N, C-alpha and C. Protein backbone atom coordinates (compact mmCIF):
# COMPACT_ATOMS: atom_id res chain seq x y z
N MET A 1 88.54 117.60 91.23
CA MET A 1 87.21 118.01 90.79
C MET A 1 87.09 119.53 90.77
N LEU A 2 87.71 120.20 91.72
CA LEU A 2 87.66 121.67 91.75
C LEU A 2 88.35 122.25 90.52
N ILE A 3 89.46 121.64 90.12
CA ILE A 3 90.19 122.14 88.94
C ILE A 3 89.34 121.99 87.69
N THR A 4 88.74 120.81 87.51
CA THR A 4 87.92 120.59 86.32
C THR A 4 86.66 121.46 86.35
N ALA A 5 86.09 121.65 87.54
CA ALA A 5 84.91 122.52 87.65
C ALA A 5 85.26 123.96 87.27
N PHE A 6 86.45 124.41 87.67
CA PHE A 6 86.89 125.76 87.31
C PHE A 6 87.08 125.88 85.79
N ALA A 7 87.66 124.84 85.16
CA ALA A 7 87.86 124.86 83.71
C ALA A 7 86.52 124.87 82.98
N VAL A 8 85.58 124.05 83.44
CA VAL A 8 84.25 124.03 82.82
C VAL A 8 83.55 125.37 83.02
N GLY A 9 83.77 126.00 84.17
CA GLY A 9 83.19 127.32 84.42
C GLY A 9 83.68 128.36 83.42
N ILE A 10 84.95 128.28 83.05
CA ILE A 10 85.49 129.21 82.05
C ILE A 10 84.79 129.02 80.71
N VAL A 11 84.59 127.74 80.33
CA VAL A 11 83.91 127.46 79.06
C VAL A 11 82.49 128.02 79.08
N TRP A 12 81.81 127.89 80.22
CA TRP A 12 80.45 128.43 80.33
C TRP A 12 80.45 129.96 80.32
N CYS A 13 81.45 130.57 80.89
CA CYS A 13 81.54 132.03 80.85
C CYS A 13 81.71 132.54 79.42
N ILE A 14 82.50 131.82 78.63
CA ILE A 14 82.70 132.22 77.24
C ILE A 14 81.39 132.11 76.47
N LYS A 15 80.67 131.00 76.70
CA LYS A 15 79.39 130.84 75.99
C LYS A 15 78.37 131.88 76.46
N SER A 16 78.37 132.19 77.75
CA SER A 16 77.45 133.20 78.27
C SER A 16 77.73 134.57 77.67
N SER A 17 79.01 134.87 77.47
CA SER A 17 79.36 136.17 76.88
C SER A 17 78.83 136.30 75.45
N GLU A 18 78.76 135.16 74.74
CA GLU A 18 78.18 135.22 73.39
C GLU A 18 76.72 135.63 73.44
N PHE A 19 75.98 135.11 74.42
CA PHE A 19 74.57 135.46 74.55
C PHE A 19 74.39 136.90 75.04
N ILE A 20 75.20 137.30 76.00
CA ILE A 20 75.05 138.63 76.61
C ILE A 20 75.39 139.74 75.61
N PHE A 21 76.51 139.55 74.90
CA PHE A 21 76.98 140.61 73.99
C PHE A 21 76.58 140.36 72.54
N LEU A 22 75.79 139.30 72.30
CA LEU A 22 75.29 139.00 70.96
C LEU A 22 76.42 138.88 69.94
N ILE A 23 77.40 138.07 70.27
CA ILE A 23 78.53 137.86 69.37
C ILE A 23 78.63 136.38 69.02
N ASP A 24 79.32 136.11 67.94
CA ASP A 24 79.53 134.74 67.48
C ASP A 24 81.03 134.48 67.44
N LEU A 25 81.48 133.55 68.25
CA LEU A 25 82.91 133.24 68.35
C LEU A 25 83.30 131.98 67.59
N SER A 26 82.43 131.52 66.72
CA SER A 26 82.75 130.29 65.99
C SER A 26 83.96 130.45 65.07
N TRP A 27 84.31 131.72 64.73
CA TRP A 27 85.49 131.95 63.90
C TRP A 27 86.79 131.59 64.63
N LEU A 28 86.67 131.34 65.93
CA LEU A 28 87.85 130.89 66.70
C LEU A 28 88.04 129.38 66.63
N GLY A 29 87.23 128.70 65.83
CA GLY A 29 87.39 127.27 65.64
C GLY A 29 88.49 126.95 64.65
N VAL A 30 88.73 125.67 64.47
CA VAL A 30 89.73 125.21 63.50
C VAL A 30 89.09 125.17 62.12
N TYR A 31 89.68 125.92 61.19
CA TYR A 31 89.25 125.84 59.79
C TYR A 31 90.41 125.23 59.00
N PRO A 32 90.21 124.01 58.48
CA PRO A 32 91.32 123.25 57.89
C PRO A 32 92.02 123.98 56.75
N GLN A 33 93.35 123.90 56.78
CA GLN A 33 94.23 124.33 55.70
C GLN A 33 94.09 125.80 55.34
N THR A 34 93.83 126.61 56.36
CA THR A 34 93.84 128.07 56.18
C THR A 34 94.67 128.68 57.31
N TRP A 35 95.27 129.83 57.00
CA TRP A 35 96.13 130.45 58.01
C TRP A 35 95.31 130.95 59.19
N HIS A 36 94.15 131.56 58.93
CA HIS A 36 93.34 132.07 60.04
C HIS A 36 92.74 130.93 60.86
N GLY A 37 92.67 129.73 60.28
CA GLY A 37 92.14 128.59 61.02
C GLY A 37 93.12 127.99 62.01
N LEU A 38 94.40 128.40 61.92
CA LEU A 38 95.40 127.88 62.85
C LEU A 38 95.13 128.28 64.29
N ILE A 39 94.52 129.45 64.48
CA ILE A 39 94.25 129.92 65.84
C ILE A 39 93.31 128.97 66.58
N GLY A 40 92.49 128.26 65.81
CA GLY A 40 91.54 127.33 66.42
C GLY A 40 92.20 126.17 67.12
N ILE A 41 93.44 125.86 66.77
CA ILE A 41 94.15 124.78 67.47
C ILE A 41 94.22 125.08 68.96
N LEU A 42 94.33 126.36 69.30
CA LEU A 42 94.41 126.77 70.70
C LEU A 42 93.04 127.10 71.30
N THR A 43 92.13 127.64 70.49
CA THR A 43 90.90 128.18 71.04
C THR A 43 89.65 127.34 70.80
N ALA A 44 89.67 126.43 69.83
CA ALA A 44 88.46 125.69 69.46
C ALA A 44 87.82 124.91 70.61
N PRO A 45 88.60 124.24 71.50
CA PRO A 45 87.95 123.50 72.59
C PRO A 45 87.17 124.38 73.57
N LEU A 46 87.39 125.68 73.53
CA LEU A 46 86.70 126.58 74.44
C LEU A 46 85.38 127.12 73.86
N ILE A 47 85.15 126.87 72.57
CA ILE A 47 84.00 127.45 71.87
C ILE A 47 82.98 126.36 71.58
N HIS A 48 81.70 126.69 71.79
CA HIS A 48 80.62 125.74 71.51
C HIS A 48 79.53 126.43 70.71
N GLY A 49 78.88 125.65 69.83
CA GLY A 49 77.94 126.22 68.90
C GLY A 49 76.58 126.52 69.48
N SER A 50 76.16 125.77 70.51
CA SER A 50 74.81 125.94 71.06
C SER A 50 74.81 125.47 72.50
N LEU A 51 73.69 125.74 73.18
CA LEU A 51 73.55 125.27 74.55
C LEU A 51 73.54 123.74 74.62
N GLU A 52 72.91 123.12 73.65
CA GLU A 52 72.90 121.65 73.61
C GLU A 52 74.31 121.11 73.48
N HIS A 53 75.10 121.77 72.65
CA HIS A 53 76.48 121.36 72.44
C HIS A 53 77.28 121.43 73.74
N ILE A 54 77.17 122.54 74.44
CA ILE A 54 77.95 122.69 75.67
C ILE A 54 77.41 121.82 76.80
N PHE A 55 76.10 121.59 76.81
CA PHE A 55 75.52 120.67 77.80
C PHE A 55 76.06 119.25 77.60
N ASN A 56 76.16 118.83 76.34
CA ASN A 56 76.63 117.48 76.05
C ASN A 56 78.09 117.27 76.44
N ASN A 57 78.86 118.36 76.49
CA ASN A 57 80.28 118.24 76.82
C ASN A 57 80.59 118.53 78.29
N THR A 58 79.64 119.09 79.02
CA THR A 58 79.93 119.51 80.39
C THR A 58 80.25 118.33 81.31
N LEU A 59 79.36 117.36 81.37
CA LEU A 59 79.60 116.21 82.26
C LEU A 59 80.83 115.39 81.86
N PRO A 60 81.03 115.10 80.56
CA PRO A 60 82.28 114.40 80.21
C PRO A 60 83.53 115.15 80.62
N MET A 61 83.51 116.49 80.46
CA MET A 61 84.68 117.27 80.89
C MET A 61 84.90 117.14 82.39
N LEU A 62 83.82 117.22 83.16
CA LEU A 62 83.93 117.14 84.62
C LEU A 62 84.42 115.76 85.07
N ILE A 63 83.77 114.71 84.57
CA ILE A 63 84.06 113.36 85.07
C ILE A 63 85.38 112.82 84.54
N LEU A 64 85.57 112.88 83.22
CA LEU A 64 86.81 112.35 82.64
C LEU A 64 88.02 113.18 83.07
N GLY A 65 87.83 114.50 83.15
CA GLY A 65 88.93 115.34 83.62
C GLY A 65 89.33 115.03 85.05
N THR A 66 88.33 114.80 85.90
CA THR A 66 88.61 114.46 87.30
C THR A 66 89.31 113.11 87.40
N LEU A 67 88.87 112.13 86.63
CA LEU A 67 89.52 110.81 86.65
C LEU A 67 90.97 110.90 86.21
N LEU A 68 91.23 111.71 85.19
CA LEU A 68 92.61 111.87 84.72
C LEU A 68 93.48 112.55 85.77
N LEU A 69 92.99 113.66 86.31
CA LEU A 69 93.79 114.40 87.29
C LEU A 69 94.03 113.60 88.55
N TYR A 70 93.05 112.80 88.96
CA TYR A 70 93.21 111.99 90.16
C TYR A 70 94.11 110.79 89.93
N GLY A 71 93.92 110.09 88.83
CA GLY A 71 94.60 108.82 88.63
C GLY A 71 96.01 108.92 88.12
N TYR A 72 96.36 110.01 87.44
CA TYR A 72 97.68 110.09 86.79
C TYR A 72 98.32 111.44 87.06
N PRO A 73 98.78 111.66 88.29
CA PRO A 73 99.29 112.99 88.68
C PRO A 73 100.55 113.42 87.96
N LYS A 74 101.37 112.49 87.47
CA LYS A 74 102.62 112.88 86.81
C LYS A 74 102.45 113.12 85.31
N SER A 75 101.50 112.46 84.70
CA SER A 75 101.34 112.58 83.25
C SER A 75 100.14 113.41 82.84
N ARG A 76 99.31 113.84 83.77
CA ARG A 76 98.02 114.45 83.43
C ARG A 76 98.15 115.71 82.58
N TRP A 77 99.07 116.61 82.95
CA TRP A 77 99.15 117.88 82.23
C TRP A 77 99.73 117.70 80.84
N ARG A 78 100.70 116.84 80.69
CA ARG A 78 101.26 116.62 79.35
C ARG A 78 100.25 115.90 78.46
N VAL A 79 99.42 115.05 79.06
CA VAL A 79 98.36 114.39 78.29
C VAL A 79 97.35 115.41 77.79
N LEU A 80 96.91 116.29 78.68
CA LEU A 80 95.94 117.33 78.28
C LEU A 80 96.52 118.23 77.20
N ALA A 81 97.76 118.66 77.37
CA ALA A 81 98.37 119.56 76.39
C ALA A 81 98.56 118.86 75.05
N THR A 82 98.99 117.62 75.08
CA THR A 82 99.23 116.88 73.83
C THR A 82 97.93 116.63 73.09
N VAL A 83 96.90 116.18 73.81
CA VAL A 83 95.60 115.93 73.17
C VAL A 83 95.03 117.23 72.62
N TRP A 84 95.12 118.30 73.38
CA TRP A 84 94.60 119.61 72.96
C TRP A 84 95.23 120.02 71.63
N LEU A 85 96.56 119.94 71.55
CA LEU A 85 97.27 120.44 70.37
C LEU A 85 97.19 119.46 69.19
N LEU A 86 97.45 118.18 69.44
CA LEU A 86 97.50 117.22 68.33
C LEU A 86 96.13 117.01 67.68
N SER A 87 95.08 117.01 68.48
CA SER A 87 93.75 116.85 67.89
C SER A 87 93.44 118.03 66.97
N GLY A 88 93.81 119.25 67.40
CA GLY A 88 93.59 120.43 66.56
C GLY A 88 94.42 120.40 65.30
N VAL A 89 95.66 119.95 65.42
CA VAL A 89 96.53 119.86 64.24
C VAL A 89 95.98 118.84 63.25
N GLY A 90 95.52 117.68 63.77
CA GLY A 90 94.96 116.67 62.89
C GLY A 90 93.74 117.17 62.14
N VAL A 91 92.88 117.91 62.84
CA VAL A 91 91.69 118.48 62.18
C VAL A 91 92.10 119.52 61.15
N TRP A 92 93.08 120.34 61.46
CA TRP A 92 93.52 121.38 60.53
C TRP A 92 94.08 120.78 59.25
N ILE A 93 94.73 119.63 59.36
CA ILE A 93 95.33 119.01 58.17
C ILE A 93 94.30 118.20 57.37
N PHE A 94 93.48 117.43 58.07
CA PHE A 94 92.64 116.45 57.38
C PHE A 94 91.13 116.74 57.46
N GLY A 95 90.72 117.77 58.19
CA GLY A 95 89.30 117.99 58.40
C GLY A 95 88.56 118.54 57.17
N ARG A 96 87.23 118.51 57.25
CA ARG A 96 86.40 119.09 56.19
C ARG A 96 86.45 120.60 56.24
N GLU A 97 86.06 121.23 55.15
CA GLU A 97 86.09 122.69 55.07
C GLU A 97 84.92 123.28 55.86
N SER A 98 85.16 123.48 57.12
CA SER A 98 84.16 124.06 58.01
C SER A 98 84.86 124.42 59.31
N TYR A 99 84.19 125.21 60.14
CA TYR A 99 84.75 125.52 61.46
C TYR A 99 84.46 124.36 62.41
N HIS A 100 85.51 123.85 63.03
CA HIS A 100 85.40 122.73 63.97
C HIS A 100 85.60 123.29 65.39
N ILE A 101 84.58 123.17 66.21
CA ILE A 101 84.64 123.74 67.56
C ILE A 101 84.16 122.71 68.58
N GLY A 102 84.45 122.99 69.85
CA GLY A 102 83.94 122.15 70.93
C GLY A 102 85.04 121.37 71.64
N ALA A 103 84.73 120.96 72.88
CA ALA A 103 85.68 120.23 73.71
C ALA A 103 85.57 118.72 73.53
N SER A 104 84.77 118.27 72.58
CA SER A 104 84.59 116.82 72.43
C SER A 104 85.87 116.12 71.99
N GLY A 105 86.71 116.81 71.23
CA GLY A 105 88.00 116.22 70.87
C GLY A 105 88.86 115.98 72.10
N LEU A 106 88.80 116.93 73.03
CA LEU A 106 89.56 116.79 74.27
C LEU A 106 89.01 115.65 75.13
N THR A 107 87.69 115.57 75.26
CA THR A 107 87.10 114.50 76.08
C THR A 107 87.35 113.13 75.47
N HIS A 108 87.30 113.02 74.15
CA HIS A 108 87.60 111.74 73.51
C HIS A 108 89.07 111.36 73.73
N GLY A 109 89.94 112.34 73.69
CA GLY A 109 91.35 112.05 73.93
C GLY A 109 91.60 111.54 75.33
N VAL A 110 90.97 112.18 76.32
CA VAL A 110 91.13 111.73 77.71
C VAL A 110 90.53 110.35 77.90
N PHE A 111 89.37 110.10 77.31
CA PHE A 111 88.74 108.78 77.44
C PHE A 111 89.63 107.69 76.86
N PHE A 112 90.15 107.90 75.67
CA PHE A 112 90.99 106.86 75.05
C PHE A 112 92.32 106.72 75.77
N TYR A 113 92.81 107.79 76.38
CA TYR A 113 94.01 107.65 77.21
C TYR A 113 93.73 106.74 78.40
N LEU A 114 92.62 106.98 79.10
CA LEU A 114 92.26 106.15 80.25
C LEU A 114 92.04 104.70 79.83
N LEU A 115 91.50 104.50 78.65
CA LEU A 115 91.24 103.15 78.16
C LEU A 115 92.53 102.42 77.81
N VAL A 116 93.37 103.04 77.03
CA VAL A 116 94.57 102.37 76.53
C VAL A 116 95.63 102.25 77.62
N VAL A 117 95.76 103.26 78.48
CA VAL A 117 96.80 103.20 79.51
C VAL A 117 96.53 102.08 80.52
N SER A 118 95.26 101.76 80.75
CA SER A 118 94.94 100.66 81.66
C SER A 118 95.37 99.32 81.08
N ILE A 119 95.37 99.20 79.76
CA ILE A 119 95.81 97.96 79.11
C ILE A 119 97.30 97.77 79.32
N PHE A 120 98.07 98.86 79.26
CA PHE A 120 99.51 98.76 79.47
C PHE A 120 99.87 98.55 80.94
N ARG A 121 99.18 99.26 81.84
CA ARG A 121 99.57 99.24 83.26
C ARG A 121 98.99 98.02 84.01
N ARG A 122 97.70 97.79 83.85
CA ARG A 122 97.02 96.62 84.44
C ARG A 122 97.12 96.57 85.97
N ASP A 123 97.18 97.72 86.61
CA ASP A 123 97.08 97.75 88.07
C ASP A 123 95.63 98.05 88.45
N LYS A 124 95.31 97.84 89.71
CA LYS A 124 93.91 97.92 90.14
C LYS A 124 93.32 99.30 89.94
N ARG A 125 94.10 100.34 90.24
CA ARG A 125 93.56 101.69 90.15
C ARG A 125 93.26 102.08 88.71
N SER A 126 94.20 101.82 87.79
CA SER A 126 93.97 102.20 86.40
C SER A 126 92.82 101.41 85.79
N VAL A 127 92.69 100.15 86.17
CA VAL A 127 91.57 99.34 85.65
C VAL A 127 90.24 99.85 86.21
N ALA A 128 90.23 100.22 87.49
CA ALA A 128 89.00 100.75 88.09
C ALA A 128 88.60 102.07 87.43
N ILE A 129 89.58 102.94 87.16
CA ILE A 129 89.29 104.21 86.48
C ILE A 129 88.77 103.95 85.08
N MET A 130 89.40 103.01 84.37
CA MET A 130 88.96 102.69 83.02
C MET A 130 87.53 102.15 83.02
N MET A 131 87.21 101.27 83.97
CA MET A 131 85.87 100.69 84.01
C MET A 131 84.82 101.75 84.30
N THR A 132 85.14 102.71 85.17
CA THR A 132 84.22 103.81 85.46
C THR A 132 83.98 104.65 84.21
N ALA A 133 85.08 105.00 83.52
CA ALA A 133 84.96 105.82 82.31
C ALA A 133 84.21 105.07 81.22
N PHE A 134 84.48 103.78 81.07
CA PHE A 134 83.83 103.02 80.01
C PHE A 134 82.35 102.80 80.30
N PHE A 135 82.02 102.61 81.57
CA PHE A 135 80.62 102.44 81.94
C PHE A 135 79.80 103.68 81.60
N LEU A 136 80.40 104.85 81.80
CA LEU A 136 79.68 106.11 81.57
C LEU A 136 79.73 106.56 80.11
N TYR A 137 80.90 106.39 79.48
CA TYR A 137 81.09 106.97 78.15
C TYR A 137 81.69 105.97 77.16
N GLY A 138 81.33 104.72 77.28
CA GLY A 138 81.82 103.72 76.34
C GLY A 138 81.39 103.98 74.91
N GLY A 139 80.30 104.74 74.73
CA GLY A 139 79.83 105.07 73.39
C GLY A 139 80.82 105.90 72.59
N MET A 140 81.82 106.49 73.26
CA MET A 140 82.82 107.28 72.54
C MET A 140 83.65 106.42 71.59
N THR A 141 83.67 105.12 71.82
CA THR A 141 84.41 104.25 70.91
C THR A 141 83.78 104.21 69.52
N MET A 142 82.51 104.59 69.43
CA MET A 142 81.81 104.59 68.14
C MET A 142 81.69 105.97 67.52
N THR A 143 81.78 107.02 68.33
CA THR A 143 81.59 108.38 67.80
C THR A 143 82.83 108.92 67.10
N ILE A 144 83.87 108.13 66.99
CA ILE A 144 85.05 108.56 66.22
C ILE A 144 84.82 108.34 64.72
N PHE A 145 83.69 107.73 64.37
CA PHE A 145 83.35 107.49 62.97
C PHE A 145 82.26 108.47 62.52
N PRO A 146 82.16 108.73 61.22
CA PRO A 146 81.15 109.70 60.73
C PRO A 146 79.74 109.25 61.07
N ARG A 147 78.95 110.19 61.59
CA ARG A 147 77.53 109.92 61.88
C ARG A 147 76.64 110.99 61.28
N GLU A 148 76.81 112.23 61.74
CA GLU A 148 76.01 113.33 61.25
C GLU A 148 76.93 114.39 60.64
N ALA A 149 76.41 115.05 59.61
CA ALA A 149 77.24 116.05 58.92
C ALA A 149 77.60 117.22 59.82
N SER A 150 76.75 117.51 60.80
CA SER A 150 76.98 118.67 61.68
C SER A 150 77.92 118.36 62.84
N ILE A 151 78.31 117.11 62.99
CA ILE A 151 79.19 116.70 64.09
C ILE A 151 80.59 116.47 63.55
N SER A 152 81.57 117.08 64.20
CA SER A 152 82.96 116.95 63.76
C SER A 152 83.54 115.64 64.27
N PHE A 153 83.33 114.58 63.50
CA PHE A 153 83.93 113.31 63.89
C PHE A 153 85.45 113.37 63.77
N GLU A 154 85.96 114.31 62.96
CA GLU A 154 87.41 114.46 62.84
C GLU A 154 88.04 114.83 64.18
N TYR A 155 87.38 115.73 64.90
CA TYR A 155 87.89 116.12 66.22
C TYR A 155 87.85 114.92 67.17
N HIS A 156 86.79 114.14 67.09
CA HIS A 156 86.69 112.94 67.92
C HIS A 156 87.82 111.95 67.57
N PHE A 157 88.01 111.72 66.29
CA PHE A 157 88.98 110.72 65.84
C PHE A 157 90.40 111.11 66.22
N PHE A 158 90.78 112.35 65.92
CA PHE A 158 92.15 112.76 66.21
C PHE A 158 92.37 112.97 67.71
N GLY A 159 91.31 113.31 68.44
CA GLY A 159 91.43 113.33 69.89
C GLY A 159 91.70 111.94 70.44
N ALA A 160 90.95 110.95 69.94
CA ALA A 160 91.16 109.57 70.38
C ALA A 160 92.55 109.08 70.01
N LEU A 161 93.00 109.40 68.81
CA LEU A 161 94.33 108.99 68.37
C LEU A 161 95.41 109.61 69.24
N SER A 162 95.22 110.88 69.59
CA SER A 162 96.20 111.56 70.46
C SER A 162 96.23 110.94 71.85
N GLY A 163 95.05 110.60 72.39
CA GLY A 163 95.01 109.96 73.71
C GLY A 163 95.68 108.61 73.72
N ALA A 164 95.46 107.81 72.67
CA ALA A 164 96.12 106.51 72.59
C ALA A 164 97.64 106.66 72.46
N LEU A 165 98.08 107.66 71.72
CA LEU A 165 99.52 107.92 71.58
C LEU A 165 100.13 108.32 72.92
N CYS A 166 99.42 109.16 73.68
CA CYS A 166 99.90 109.55 75.02
C CYS A 166 100.04 108.33 75.93
N ALA A 167 99.08 107.43 75.84
CA ALA A 167 99.15 106.21 76.67
C ALA A 167 100.35 105.37 76.29
N LEU A 168 100.66 105.30 75.00
CA LEU A 168 101.82 104.54 74.55
C LEU A 168 103.12 105.16 75.04
N LEU A 169 103.18 106.48 75.08
CA LEU A 169 104.41 107.17 75.46
C LEU A 169 104.63 107.22 76.97
N TRP A 170 103.57 107.43 77.74
CA TRP A 170 103.74 107.77 79.15
C TRP A 170 103.01 106.82 80.11
N HIS A 171 102.75 105.60 79.69
CA HIS A 171 102.02 104.68 80.56
C HIS A 171 102.81 104.29 81.81
N SER A 172 104.14 104.39 81.74
CA SER A 172 104.95 104.02 82.90
C SER A 172 105.43 105.22 83.70
N LEU A 173 104.96 106.41 83.35
CA LEU A 173 105.45 107.61 84.04
C LEU A 173 104.92 107.70 85.47
N ASP A 174 103.67 107.35 85.68
CA ASP A 174 103.08 107.38 87.02
C ASP A 174 103.40 106.08 87.75
N PRO A 175 103.88 106.18 89.00
CA PRO A 175 104.16 104.95 89.75
C PRO A 175 102.89 104.19 90.06
N LYS A 176 103.00 102.88 90.05
CA LYS A 176 101.84 102.06 90.39
C LYS A 176 101.59 102.13 91.89
N PRO A 177 100.35 102.07 92.32
CA PRO A 177 100.05 102.14 93.76
C PRO A 177 100.62 100.93 94.48
N MET A 178 101.06 101.15 95.73
CA MET A 178 101.61 100.06 96.51
C MET A 178 100.51 99.07 96.89
N MET A 179 100.86 97.79 96.80
CA MET A 179 99.91 96.75 97.16
C MET A 179 99.84 96.62 98.68
N LYS A 180 98.68 96.80 99.23
CA LYS A 180 98.51 96.71 100.67
C LYS A 180 98.43 95.26 101.10
N LYS A 181 99.24 94.92 102.11
CA LYS A 181 99.22 93.56 102.65
C LYS A 181 98.52 93.57 103.98
N TYR A 182 97.55 92.69 104.12
CA TYR A 182 96.81 92.57 105.37
C TYR A 182 97.54 91.63 106.32
N GLU A 183 97.18 91.72 107.59
CA GLU A 183 97.86 90.93 108.61
C GLU A 183 97.75 89.43 108.35
N TRP A 184 96.58 89.02 107.88
CA TRP A 184 96.40 87.59 107.65
C TRP A 184 97.23 87.08 106.48
N GLU A 185 97.66 88.01 105.58
CA GLU A 185 98.52 87.60 104.48
C GLU A 185 99.97 87.46 104.91
N LYS A 186 100.36 88.21 105.95
CA LYS A 186 101.75 88.17 106.42
C LYS A 186 102.03 86.94 107.27
N GLN A 187 101.02 86.38 107.94
CA GLN A 187 101.23 85.24 108.83
C GLN A 187 101.32 83.95 108.03
N PRO A 188 102.19 83.03 108.46
CA PRO A 188 102.28 81.73 107.77
C PRO A 188 101.00 80.93 108.00
N GLU A 189 100.70 80.10 107.03
CA GLU A 189 99.50 79.31 107.13
C GLU A 189 99.62 78.28 108.25
N ALA A 190 98.66 78.28 109.14
CA ALA A 190 98.65 77.34 110.27
C ALA A 190 97.90 76.08 109.88
N ASP A 191 98.15 75.01 110.67
CA ASP A 191 97.44 73.76 110.43
C ASP A 191 95.98 73.91 110.75
N ASP A 192 95.18 73.08 110.13
CA ASP A 192 93.75 73.08 110.40
C ASP A 192 93.53 72.81 111.89
N PRO A 193 92.79 73.66 112.60
CA PRO A 193 92.63 73.48 114.05
C PRO A 193 91.92 72.18 114.41
N ILE A 194 91.19 71.60 113.49
CA ILE A 194 90.47 70.36 113.79
C ILE A 194 91.32 69.15 113.45
N ILE A 195 91.91 69.18 112.25
CA ILE A 195 92.69 68.01 111.83
C ILE A 195 94.07 68.03 112.46
N GLY A 196 94.76 69.20 112.37
CA GLY A 196 96.09 69.30 112.95
C GLY A 196 97.06 68.34 112.29
N ASP A 197 97.80 67.58 113.15
CA ASP A 197 98.77 66.60 112.65
C ASP A 197 98.21 65.20 112.59
N ALA A 198 96.90 65.10 112.66
CA ALA A 198 96.31 63.76 112.67
C ALA A 198 96.61 62.99 111.40
N TRP A 199 96.69 63.70 110.27
CA TRP A 199 96.95 63.02 109.00
C TRP A 199 98.33 62.38 108.98
N GLN A 200 99.31 63.04 109.67
CA GLN A 200 100.65 62.45 109.73
C GLN A 200 100.65 61.18 110.59
N MET A 201 99.90 61.20 111.70
CA MET A 201 99.80 60.02 112.55
C MET A 201 99.15 58.87 111.80
N GLU A 202 98.13 59.18 111.01
CA GLU A 202 97.47 58.12 110.24
C GLU A 202 98.42 57.51 109.23
N GLU A 203 99.26 58.36 108.59
CA GLU A 203 100.23 57.83 107.63
C GLU A 203 101.23 56.92 108.33
N GLN A 204 101.67 57.29 109.54
CA GLN A 204 102.61 56.44 110.28
C GLN A 204 101.97 55.11 110.65
N LEU A 205 100.70 55.13 111.07
CA LEU A 205 100.01 53.89 111.42
C LEU A 205 99.85 52.99 110.20
N LEU A 206 99.52 53.59 109.08
CA LEU A 206 99.36 52.80 107.86
C LEU A 206 100.67 52.15 107.44
N SER A 207 101.76 52.95 107.51
CA SER A 207 103.05 52.40 107.11
C SER A 207 103.51 51.30 108.06
N SER A 208 103.23 51.45 109.39
CA SER A 208 103.61 50.41 110.34
C SER A 208 102.78 49.14 110.12
N ASP A 209 101.49 49.31 109.81
CA ASP A 209 100.64 48.15 109.51
C ASP A 209 101.13 47.41 108.28
N THR A 210 101.58 48.18 107.30
CA THR A 210 102.09 47.55 106.07
C THR A 210 103.35 46.76 106.35
N LYS A 211 104.24 47.32 107.17
CA LYS A 211 105.47 46.61 107.52
C LYS A 211 105.17 45.33 108.30
N ASN A 212 104.25 45.43 109.26
CA ASN A 212 103.89 44.26 110.06
C ASN A 212 103.30 43.16 109.16
N GLY A 213 102.48 43.58 108.18
CA GLY A 213 101.88 42.63 107.26
C GLY A 213 102.92 41.92 106.44
N ASN A 214 103.91 42.70 105.97
CA ASN A 214 104.98 42.10 105.16
C ASN A 214 105.81 41.11 105.99
N GLN A 215 106.08 41.47 107.25
CA GLN A 215 106.84 40.56 108.11
C GLN A 215 106.08 39.29 108.39
N ALA A 216 104.75 39.40 108.57
CA ALA A 216 103.95 38.20 108.82
C ALA A 216 103.95 37.28 107.61
N ILE A 217 103.92 37.82 106.42
CA ILE A 217 103.95 37.00 105.20
C ILE A 217 105.29 36.27 105.10
N LYS A 218 106.38 36.97 105.43
CA LYS A 218 107.70 36.33 105.37
C LYS A 218 107.79 35.17 106.38
N GLU A 219 107.28 35.37 107.60
CA GLU A 219 107.35 34.34 108.64
C GLU A 219 106.53 33.11 108.20
N GLU A 220 105.39 33.31 107.58
CA GLU A 220 104.59 32.19 107.12
C GLU A 220 105.33 31.39 106.07
N LYS A 221 106.05 32.12 105.20
CA LYS A 221 106.84 31.42 104.18
C LYS A 221 107.93 30.60 104.85
C-alpha cells in the first residue's frame, strides 16, 4: 500500500504542478500514428485532464495496485511494465486522432490480470483477490467499449487486453500458497463415541440368528 500510495502521490504532484505553474501537459499523451505521440507511451498514464479525471483514477490505482503487489510478488513488476507499454502501443496504432491520457488503461490492465489469472490458478488467495477487485470495480468489464466521445475507451480496451495476455503468460510464475492443515484434519477418524462398535455386534447377532434359523429348518425337514 505504501508503494502504491507513493506512486499515486507522484501523479498528484504532476497534476498540482499544472495548476501552480499554469501549464498544460496533455501533449505528453499518446497521439496515434505520429512521431511526437510516441512519447505518450511512457508518459500518458501520469497525465490527467482534470481533477475529476484524477479523482476517478486515484482509488482504483491504490486498491488494484495494492492487490497486485500483495498477491503476485514474482510477476507484479513485469505485469505493470507490460500493461503500461502494450496499452500505449495499442492506442498509438489503433486509437482515434486525439491525445489519450490517464492511468485508466493501467488500472483496467491490472483489473483484467487479477480477473483472468484467478481463472487459471484457482487457489484461494487469487480467487479472494479477484472477488474483492470485481466487487469494487466489476464495471470495468463494460468500460472497454465505446461510451462517451471524451473517454478513451481504446486505452481501457488495450489495457484490458494486455492484462489478460499477462495472465496467460505468467499465471504459474507465483507459487501457490501452502494449504494449512489443522490438527483435526491430521488425526484419523475415530468411531462415534455413542455407537462405537455396536453396529458390528448387531451384525454378528443377526448373522448368528440367521444361521440358527437355517439349522432349525433343516432339522424339521
